[in-house]
PDB file of all heavy atoms in Angstrom:
ATOM      1  N   VAL A   1     110.679  89.772  96.434  1.00  0.00           N
ATOM      2  CA  VAL A   1     110.542  88.775  95.387  1.00  0.00           C
ATOM      3  C   VAL A   1     109.167  88.115  95.423  1.00  0.00           C
ATOM      4  O   VAL A   1     108.575  87.917  96.488  1.00  0.00           O
ATOM      5  CB  VAL A   1     111.654  87.660  95.496  1.00  0.00           C
ATOM      6  CG1 VAL A   1     111.576  86.899  96.781  1.00  0.00           C
ATOM      7  CG2 VAL A   1     111.590  86.724  94.284  1.00  0.00           C
ATOM      8  N   LEU A   2     108.579  87.815  94.272  1.00  0.00           N
ATOM      9  CA  LEU A   2     107.393  87.113  94.066  1.00  0.00           C
ATOM     10  C   LEU A   2     107.619  86.003  93.045  1.00  0.00           C
ATOM     11  O   LEU A   2     108.575  86.124  92.255  1.00  0.00           O
ATOM     12  CB  LEU A   2     106.248  87.987  93.628  1.00  0.00           C
ATOM     13  CG  LEU A   2     105.906  89.244  94.473  1.00  0.00           C
ATOM     14  CD1 LEU A   2     106.734  90.455  94.049  1.00  0.00           C
ATOM     15  CD2 LEU A   2     104.479  89.641  94.448  1.00  0.00           C
ATOM     16  N   ARG A   3     106.749  84.991  92.975  1.00  0.00           N
ATOM     17  CA  ARG A   3     106.992  83.966  91.965  1.00  0.00           C
ATOM     18  C   ARG A   3     105.657  83.451  91.411  1.00  0.00           C
ATOM     19  O   ARG A   3     104.584  83.603  92.039  1.00  0.00           O
ATOM     20  CB  ARG A   3     107.809  82.794  92.516  1.00  0.00           C
ATOM     21  CG  ARG A   3     107.094  81.920  93.491  1.00  0.00           C
ATOM     22  CD  ARG A   3     107.991  80.819  93.943  1.00  0.00           C
ATOM     23  NE  ARG A   3     107.311  79.893  94.865  1.00  0.00           N
ATOM     24  CZ  ARG A   3     107.786  78.838  95.452  1.00  0.00           C
ATOM     25  NH1 ARG A   3     109.073  78.561  95.295  1.00  0.00           N
ATOM     26  NH2 ARG A   3     106.985  78.060  96.214  1.00  0.00           N
ATOM     27  N   SER A   4     105.752  82.796  90.210  1.00  0.00           N
ATOM     28  CA  SER A   4     104.554  82.226  89.553  1.00  0.00           C
ATOM     29  C   SER A   4     105.003  81.100  88.689  1.00  0.00           C
ATOM     30  O   SER A   4     106.156  81.070  88.243  1.00  0.00           O
ATOM     31  CB  SER A   4     103.863  83.310  88.774  1.00  0.00           C
ATOM     32  OG  SER A   4     102.825  82.745  87.982  1.00  0.00           O
ATOM     33  N   ARG A   5     104.125  80.174  88.407  1.00  0.00           N
ATOM     34  CA  ARG A   5     104.387  79.099  87.457  1.00  0.00           C
ATOM     35  C   ARG A   5     104.193  79.631  86.001  1.00  0.00           C
ATOM     36  O   ARG A   5     104.545  78.898  85.054  1.00  0.00           O
ATOM     37  CB  ARG A   5     103.499  77.857  87.680  1.00  0.00           C
ATOM     38  CG  ARG A   5     103.853  77.088  88.890  1.00  0.00           C
ATOM     39  CD  ARG A   5     105.214  76.405  88.674  1.00  0.00           C
ATOM     40  NE  ARG A   5     105.523  75.449  89.771  1.00  0.00           N
ATOM     41  CZ  ARG A   5     106.665  74.794  89.860  1.00  0.00           C
ATOM     42  NH1 ARG A   5     107.564  74.987  88.946  1.00  0.00           N
ATOM     43  NH2 ARG A   5     106.891  73.953  90.892  1.00  0.00           N
ATOM     44  N   HIS A   6     103.606  80.763  85.830  1.00  0.00           N
ATOM     45  CA  HIS A   6     103.304  81.336  84.503  1.00  0.00           C
ATOM     46  C   HIS A   6     103.870  82.702  84.496  1.00  0.00           C
ATOM     47  O   HIS A   6     103.837  83.468  85.405  1.00  0.00           O
ATOM     48  CB  HIS A   6     101.763  81.323  84.275  1.00  0.00           C
ATOM     49  CG  HIS A   6     101.138  79.993  84.455  1.00  0.00           C
ATOM     50  ND1 HIS A   6     101.186  79.038  83.538  1.00  0.00           N
ATOM     51  CD2 HIS A   6     100.432  79.500  85.497  1.00  0.00           C
ATOM     52  CE1 HIS A   6     100.550  77.927  83.962  1.00  0.00           C
ATOM     53  NE2 HIS A   6     100.083  78.198  85.187  1.00  0.00           N
ATOM     54  N   VAL A   7     104.414  83.047  83.281  1.00  0.00           N
ATOM     55  CA  VAL A   7     105.053  84.359  83.144  1.00  0.00           C
ATOM     56  C   VAL A   7     104.123  85.523  83.399  1.00  0.00           C
ATOM     57  O   VAL A   7     104.500  86.563  83.899  1.00  0.00           O
ATOM     58  CB  VAL A   7     105.694  84.479  81.725  1.00  0.00           C
ATOM     59  CG1 VAL A   7     104.678  84.570  80.602  1.00  0.00           C
ATOM     60  CG2 VAL A   7     106.678  85.653  81.708  1.00  0.00           C
ATOM     61  N   TRP A   8     102.822  85.373  83.060  1.00  0.00           N
ATOM     62  CA  TRP A   8     101.871  86.421  83.229  1.00  0.00           C
ATOM     63  C   TRP A   8     101.269  86.401  84.687  1.00  0.00           C
ATOM     64  O   TRP A   8     100.423  87.296  85.013  1.00  0.00           O
ATOM     65  CB  TRP A   8     100.715  86.339  82.260  1.00  0.00           C
ATOM     66  CG  TRP A   8     101.146  86.706  80.873  1.00  0.00           C
ATOM     67  CD1 TRP A   8     101.407  85.889  79.821  1.00  0.00           C
ATOM     68  CD2 TRP A   8     101.370  88.028  80.377  1.00  0.00           C
ATOM     69  NE1 TRP A   8     101.766  86.574  78.690  1.00  0.00           N
ATOM     70  CE2 TRP A   8     101.723  87.915  78.982  1.00  0.00           C
ATOM     71  CE3 TRP A   8     101.216  89.294  80.905  1.00  0.00           C
ATOM     72  CZ2 TRP A   8     101.975  89.033  78.213  1.00  0.00           C
ATOM     73  CZ3 TRP A   8     101.508  90.373  80.131  1.00  0.00           C
ATOM     74  CH2 TRP A   8     101.858  90.244  78.813  1.00  0.00           C
ATOM     75  N   GLY A   9     101.710  85.490  85.517  1.00  0.00           N
ATOM     76  CA  GLY A   9     101.241  85.421  86.858  1.00  0.00           C
ATOM     77  C   GLY A   9      99.994  84.608  87.010  1.00  0.00           C
ATOM     78  O   GLY A   9      99.600  83.859  86.099  1.00  0.00           O
ATOM     79  N   PRO A  10      99.336  84.678  88.164  1.00  0.00           N
ATOM     80  CA  PRO A  10      99.574  85.630  89.266  1.00  0.00           C
ATOM     81  C   PRO A  10     100.800  85.290  90.068  1.00  0.00           C
ATOM     82  O   PRO A  10     101.215  84.148  90.199  1.00  0.00           O
ATOM     83  CB  PRO A  10      98.291  85.482  90.144  1.00  0.00           C
ATOM     84  CG  PRO A  10      97.826  84.057  89.875  1.00  0.00           C
ATOM     85  CD  PRO A  10      98.185  83.761  88.455  1.00  0.00           C
ATOM     86  N   TYR A  11     101.416  86.381  90.577  1.00  0.00           N
ATOM     87  CA  TYR A  11     102.641  86.255  91.282  1.00  0.00           C
ATOM     88  C   TYR A  11     102.410  86.291  92.806  1.00  0.00           C
ATOM     89  O   TYR A  11     101.744  87.170  93.289  1.00  0.00           O
ATOM     90  CB  TYR A  11     103.647  87.373  90.927  1.00  0.00           C
ATOM     91  CG  TYR A  11     104.324  87.106  89.625  1.00  0.00           C
ATOM     92  CD1 TYR A  11     103.713  87.479  88.432  1.00  0.00           C
ATOM     93  CD2 TYR A  11     105.544  86.502  89.569  1.00  0.00           C
ATOM     94  CE1 TYR A  11     104.334  87.211  87.181  1.00  0.00           C
ATOM     95  CE2 TYR A  11     106.180  86.206  88.371  1.00  0.00           C
ATOM     96  CZ  TYR A  11     105.557  86.573  87.178  1.00  0.00           C
ATOM     97  OH  TYR A  11     106.193  86.293  85.969  1.00  0.00           O
ATOM     98  N   GLU A  12     102.951  85.271  93.509  1.00  0.00           N
ATOM     99  CA  GLU A  12     102.756  85.083  94.957  1.00  0.00           C
ATOM    100  C   GLU A  12     104.040  85.645  95.669  1.00  0.00           C
ATOM    101  O   GLU A  12     105.153  85.332  95.293  1.00  0.00           O
ATOM    102  CB  GLU A  12     102.591  83.591  95.291  1.00  0.00           C
ATOM    103  CG  GLU A  12     102.778  83.268  96.718  1.00  0.00           C
ATOM    104  CD  GLU A  12     103.085  81.766  96.942  1.00  0.00           C
ATOM    105  OE1 GLU A  12     103.282  81.066  95.965  1.00  0.00           O
ATOM    106  OE2 GLU A  12     103.184  81.396  98.129  1.00  0.00           O
ATOM    107  N   PRO A  13     103.805  86.511  96.685  1.00  0.00           N
ATOM    108  CA  PRO A  13     104.995  87.047  97.373  1.00  0.00           C
ATOM    109  C   PRO A  13     105.575  86.060  98.315  1.00  0.00           C
ATOM    110  O   PRO A  13     104.896  85.180  98.925  1.00  0.00           O
ATOM    111  CB  PRO A  13     104.428  88.278  98.108  1.00  0.00           C
ATOM    112  CG  PRO A  13     102.966  87.925  98.349  1.00  0.00           C
ATOM    113  CD  PRO A  13     102.557  87.131  97.112  1.00  0.00           C
ATOM    114  N   TYR A  14     106.929  86.162  98.459  1.00  0.00           N
ATOM    115  CA  TYR A  14     107.646  85.351  99.463  1.00  0.00           C
ATOM    116  C   TYR A  14     107.247  85.770 100.907  1.00  0.00           C
ATOM    117  O   TYR A  14     107.269  87.023 101.174  1.00  0.00           O
ATOM    118  CB  TYR A  14     109.142  85.550  99.218  1.00  0.00           C
ATOM    119  CG  TYR A  14     110.078  84.926 100.220  1.00  0.00           C
ATOM    120  CD1 TYR A  14     109.881  83.620 100.696  1.00  0.00           C
ATOM    121  CD2 TYR A  14     111.173  85.647 100.731  1.00  0.00           C
ATOM    122  CE1 TYR A  14     110.752  83.017 101.549  1.00  0.00           C
ATOM    123  CE2 TYR A  14     112.069  85.056 101.645  1.00  0.00           C
ATOM    124  CZ  TYR A  14     111.825  83.750 102.041  1.00  0.00           C
ATOM    125  OH  TYR A  14     112.691  83.192 102.894  1.00  0.00           O
ATOM    126  N   ALA A  15     106.957  84.908 101.722  1.00  0.00           N
ATOM    127  CA  ALA A  15     106.549  85.168 103.103  1.00  0.00           C
ATOM    128  C   ALA A  15     107.616  85.895 103.923  1.00  0.00           C
ATOM    129  O   ALA A  15     107.402  86.570 104.847  1.00  0.00           O
ATOM    130  CB  ALA A  15     106.063  83.931 103.838  1.00  0.00           C
ATOM    131  N   GLY A  16     108.909  85.636 103.518  1.00  0.00           N
ATOM    132  CA  GLY A  16     110.032  86.222 104.231  1.00  0.00           C
ATOM    133  C   GLY A  16     110.503  87.539 103.692  1.00  0.00           C
ATOM    134  O   GLY A  16     111.596  88.030 104.075  1.00  0.00           O
ATOM    135  N   ASN A  17     109.735  88.168 102.801  1.00  0.00           N
ATOM    136  CA  ASN A  17     110.176  89.456 102.234  1.00  0.00           C
ATOM    137  C   ASN A  17     110.349  90.490 103.331  1.00  0.00           C
ATOM    138  O   ASN A  17     109.658  90.449 104.375  1.00  0.00           O
ATOM    139  CB  ASN A  17     109.067  89.984 101.255  1.00  0.00           C
ATOM    140  CG  ASN A  17     109.249  89.464  99.854  1.00  0.00           C
ATOM    141  OD1 ASN A  17     110.358  89.367  99.386  1.00  0.00           O
ATOM    142  ND2 ASN A  17     108.169  89.129  99.210  1.00  0.00           N
ATOM    143  N   PRO A  18     111.305  91.397 103.178  1.00  0.00           N
ATOM    144  CA  PRO A  18     112.190  91.590 101.996  1.00  0.00           C
ATOM    145  C   PRO A  18     113.337  90.637 102.037  1.00  0.00           C
ATOM    146  O   PRO A  18     113.752  90.184 103.104  1.00  0.00           O
ATOM    147  CB  PRO A  18     112.644  93.059 102.143  1.00  0.00           C
ATOM    148  CG  PRO A  18     112.605  93.291 103.597  1.00  0.00           C
ATOM    149  CD  PRO A  18     111.464  92.513 104.183  1.00  0.00           C
ATOM    150  N   ILE A  19     113.919  90.358 100.847  1.00  0.00           N
ATOM    151  CA  ILE A  19     115.088  89.494 100.789  1.00  0.00           C
ATOM    152  C   ILE A  19     116.366  90.271 100.949  1.00  0.00           C
ATOM    153  O   ILE A  19     117.462  89.684 101.010  1.00  0.00           O
ATOM    154  CB  ILE A  19     115.080  88.682  99.505  1.00  0.00           C
ATOM    155  CG1 ILE A  19     115.173  89.613  98.257  1.00  0.00           C
ATOM    156  CG2 ILE A  19     113.834  87.775  99.448  1.00  0.00           C
ATOM    157  CD1 ILE A  19     115.351  88.888  96.933  1.00  0.00           C
ATOM    158  N   LEU A  20     116.302  91.616 101.046  1.00  0.00           N
ATOM    159  CA  LEU A  20     117.452  92.475 101.254  1.00  0.00           C
ATOM    160  C   LEU A  20     116.933  93.774 101.777  1.00  0.00           C
ATOM    161  O   LEU A  20     116.070  94.418 101.114  1.00  0.00           O
ATOM    162  CB  LEU A  20     118.251  92.678  99.956  1.00  0.00           C
ATOM    163  CG  LEU A  20     119.376  93.733 100.036  1.00  0.00           C
ATOM    164  CD1 LEU A  20     120.519  93.284 101.007  1.00  0.00           C
ATOM    165  CD2 LEU A  20     119.938  94.029  98.681  1.00  0.00           C
ATOM    166  N   THR A  21     117.415  94.231 102.916  1.00  0.00           N
ATOM    167  CA  THR A  21     117.200  95.581 103.387  1.00  0.00           C
ATOM    168  C   THR A  21     118.095  95.799 104.617  1.00  0.00           C
ATOM    169  O   THR A  21     118.620  94.808 105.226  1.00  0.00           O
ATOM    170  CB  THR A  21     115.727  95.835 103.788  1.00  0.00           C
ATOM    171  OG1 THR A  21     115.529  97.270 103.984  1.00  0.00           O
ATOM    172  CG2 THR A  21     115.315  95.072 104.986  1.00  0.00           C
ATOM    173  N   GLN A  22     118.271  97.060 104.988  1.00  0.00           N
ATOM    174  CA  GLN A  22     119.000  97.382 106.242  1.00  0.00           C
ATOM    175  C   GLN A  22     118.201  98.383 107.034  1.00  0.00           C
ATOM    176  O   GLN A  22     118.640  98.898 108.019  1.00  0.00           O
ATOM    177  CB  GLN A  22     120.366  97.987 105.881  1.00  0.00           C
ATOM    178  CG  GLN A  22     121.338  97.111 105.074  1.00  0.00           C
ATOM    179  CD  GLN A  22     121.931  95.937 105.869  1.00  0.00           C
ATOM    180  OE1 GLN A  22     123.032  96.133 106.503  1.00  0.00           O
ATOM    181  NE2 GLN A  22     121.241  94.845 105.949  1.00  0.00           N
ATOM    182  N   ARG A  23     116.942  98.617 106.676  1.00  0.00           N
ATOM    183  CA  ARG A  23     116.165  99.698 107.277  1.00  0.00           C
ATOM    184  C   ARG A  23     115.748  99.385 108.691  1.00  0.00           C
ATOM    185  O   ARG A  23     115.459 100.304 109.442  1.00  0.00           O
ATOM    186  CB  ARG A  23     114.913  99.900 106.469  1.00  0.00           C
ATOM    187  CG  ARG A  23     113.909  98.760 106.396  1.00  0.00           C
ATOM    188  CD  ARG A  23     112.842  98.984 105.371  1.00  0.00           C
ATOM    189  NE  ARG A  23     111.904  97.876 105.244  1.00  0.00           N
ATOM    190  CZ  ARG A  23     111.157  97.593 104.148  1.00  0.00           C
ATOM    191  NH1 ARG A  23     111.215  98.422 103.144  1.00  0.00           N
ATOM    192  NH2 ARG A  23     110.341  96.567 104.172  1.00  0.00           N
ATOM    193  N   HIS A  24     115.803  98.123 109.120  1.00  0.00           N
ATOM    194  CA  HIS A  24     115.383  97.739 110.469  1.00  0.00           C
ATOM    195  C   HIS A  24     116.483  97.731 111.504  1.00  0.00           C
ATOM    196  O   HIS A  24     116.254  97.441 112.673  1.00  0.00           O
ATOM    197  CB  HIS A  24     114.731  96.392 110.430  1.00  0.00           C
ATOM    198  CG  HIS A  24     115.635  95.299 109.876  1.00  0.00           C
ATOM    199  ND1 HIS A  24     116.139  95.333 108.635  1.00  0.00           N
ATOM    200  CD2 HIS A  24     116.117  94.178 110.483  1.00  0.00           C
ATOM    201  CE1 HIS A  24     116.918  94.265 108.462  1.00  0.00           C
ATOM    202  NE2 HIS A  24     116.903  93.554 109.585  1.00  0.00           N
ATOM    203  N   LEU A  25     117.722  98.000 111.039  1.00  0.00           N
ATOM    204  CA  LEU A  25     118.877  97.897 111.929  1.00  0.00           C
ATOM    205  C   LEU A  25     119.107  99.197 112.706  1.00  0.00           C
ATOM    206  O   LEU A  25     118.658 100.292 112.310  1.00  0.00           O
ATOM    207  CB  LEU A  25     120.135  97.602 111.110  1.00  0.00           C
ATOM    208  CG  LEU A  25     120.052  96.267 110.336  1.00  0.00           C
ATOM    209  CD1 LEU A  25     121.312  96.088 109.515  1.00  0.00           C
ATOM    210  CD2 LEU A  25     119.822  95.089 111.253  1.00  0.00           C
ATOM    211  N   PRO A  26     119.767  99.150 113.876  1.00  0.00           N
ATOM    212  CA  PRO A  26     119.965 100.326 114.674  1.00  0.00           C
ATOM    213  C   PRO A  26     120.772 101.405 113.862  1.00  0.00           C
ATOM    214  O   PRO A  26     121.777 101.097 113.231  1.00  0.00           O
ATOM    215  CB  PRO A  26     120.795  99.817 115.858  1.00  0.00           C
ATOM    216  CG  PRO A  26     120.496  98.380 115.946  1.00  0.00           C
ATOM    217  CD  PRO A  26     120.274  97.897 114.525  1.00  0.00           C
ATOM    218  N   GLU A  27     120.336 102.622 113.981  1.00  0.00           N
ATOM    219  CA  GLU A  27     121.005 103.710 113.253  1.00  0.00           C
ATOM    220  C   GLU A  27     122.427 103.976 113.784  1.00  0.00           C
ATOM    221  O   GLU A  27     123.261 104.473 113.053  1.00  0.00           O
ATOM    222  CB  GLU A  27     120.161 104.986 113.389  1.00  0.00           C
ATOM    223  CG  GLU A  27     118.860 104.931 112.641  1.00  0.00           C
ATOM    224  CD  GLU A  27     118.085 106.217 112.723  1.00  0.00           C
ATOM    225  OE1 GLU A  27     118.718 107.244 113.243  1.00  0.00           O
ATOM    226  OE2 GLU A  27     116.950 106.281 112.213  1.00  0.00           O
ATOM    227  N   ASP A  28     122.669 103.600 115.050  1.00  0.00           N
ATOM    228  CA  ASP A  28     123.954 103.896 115.667  1.00  0.00           C
ATOM    229  C   ASP A  28     124.941 102.761 115.531  1.00  0.00           C
ATOM    230  O   ASP A  28     125.996 102.699 116.246  1.00  0.00           O
ATOM    231  CB  ASP A  28     123.819 104.317 117.076  1.00  0.00           C
ATOM    232  CG  ASP A  28     123.188 103.236 117.937  1.00  0.00           C
ATOM    233  OD1 ASP A  28     122.756 102.219 117.378  1.00  0.00           O
ATOM    234  OD2 ASP A  28     123.094 103.423 119.178  1.00  0.00           O
ATOM    235  N   ARG A  29     124.643 101.765 114.669  1.00  0.00           N
ATOM    236  CA  ARG A  29     125.572 100.643 114.514  1.00  0.00           C
ATOM    237  C   ARG A  29     126.887 101.119 113.881  1.00  0.00           C
ATOM    238  O   ARG A  29     126.871 102.106 113.147  1.00  0.00           O
ATOM    239  CB  ARG A  29     124.984  99.543 113.687  1.00  0.00           C
ATOM    240  CG  ARG A  29     124.742  99.883 112.230  1.00  0.00           C
ATOM    241  CD  ARG A  29     123.834  98.855 111.538  1.00  0.00           C
ATOM    242  NE  ARG A  29     123.643  99.090 110.120  1.00  0.00           N
ATOM    243  CZ  ARG A  29     122.757  99.867 109.551  1.00  0.00           C
ATOM    244  NH1 ARG A  29     121.930 100.555 110.383  1.00  0.00           N
ATOM    245  NH2 ARG A  29     122.650 100.010 108.285  1.00  0.00           N
ATOM    246  N   PRO A  30     128.010 100.473 114.176  1.00  0.00           N
ATOM    247  CA  PRO A  30     129.312 100.951 113.643  1.00  0.00           C
ATOM    248  C   PRO A  30     129.391 100.733 112.124  1.00  0.00           C
ATOM    249  O   PRO A  30     128.879  99.676 111.595  1.00  0.00           O
ATOM    250  CB  PRO A  30     130.367 100.105 114.414  1.00  0.00           C
ATOM    251  CG  PRO A  30     129.577  98.892 114.817  1.00  0.00           C
ATOM    252  CD  PRO A  30     128.173  99.339 115.062  1.00  0.00           C
ATOM    253  N   ASP A  31     130.044 101.637 111.440  1.00  0.00           N
ATOM    254  CA  ASP A  31     130.315 101.493 110.012  1.00  0.00           C
ATOM    255  C   ASP A  31     129.131 101.055 109.166  1.00  0.00           C
ATOM    256  O   ASP A  31     129.166 100.070 108.477  1.00  0.00           O
ATOM    257  CB  ASP A  31     131.517 100.570 109.789  1.00  0.00           C
ATOM    258  CG  ASP A  31     132.762 100.939 110.548  1.00  0.00           C
ATOM    259  OD1 ASP A  31     132.906 102.118 110.788  1.00  0.00           O
ATOM    260  OD2 ASP A  31     133.474  99.999 110.960  1.00  0.00           O
ATOM    261  N   PRO A  32     127.999 101.747 109.243  1.00  0.00           N
ATOM    262  CA  PRO A  32     126.789 101.255 108.627  1.00  0.00           C
ATOM    263  C   PRO A  32     126.885 101.327 107.111  1.00  0.00           C
ATOM    264  O   PRO A  32     127.474 102.192 106.516  1.00  0.00           O
ATOM    265  CB  PRO A  32     125.728 102.193 109.150  1.00  0.00           C
ATOM    266  CG  PRO A  32     126.464 103.489 109.413  1.00  0.00           C
ATOM    267  CD  PRO A  32     127.835 103.097 109.878  1.00  0.00           C
ATOM    268  N   VAL A  33     126.200 100.344 106.471  1.00  0.00           N
ATOM    269  CA  VAL A  33     125.817 100.400 105.049  1.00  0.00           C
ATOM    270  C   VAL A  33     124.354 100.500 105.061  1.00  0.00           C
ATOM    271  O   VAL A  33     123.629  99.706 105.694  1.00  0.00           O
ATOM    272  CB  VAL A  33     126.352  99.151 104.292  1.00  0.00           C
ATOM    273  CG1 VAL A  33     125.837  99.144 102.895  1.00  0.00           C
ATOM    274  CG2 VAL A  33     127.864  99.072 104.364  1.00  0.00           C
TER     275      VAL A  33
END
């Protein structure tokens, strides 16, 4: 996610990105999504 006060930007990214992912989790975790 990024945000701006104006619809045309410039858009600033969230420092905590990504706001959703599972790519960093252990591959051998049970019942993975």
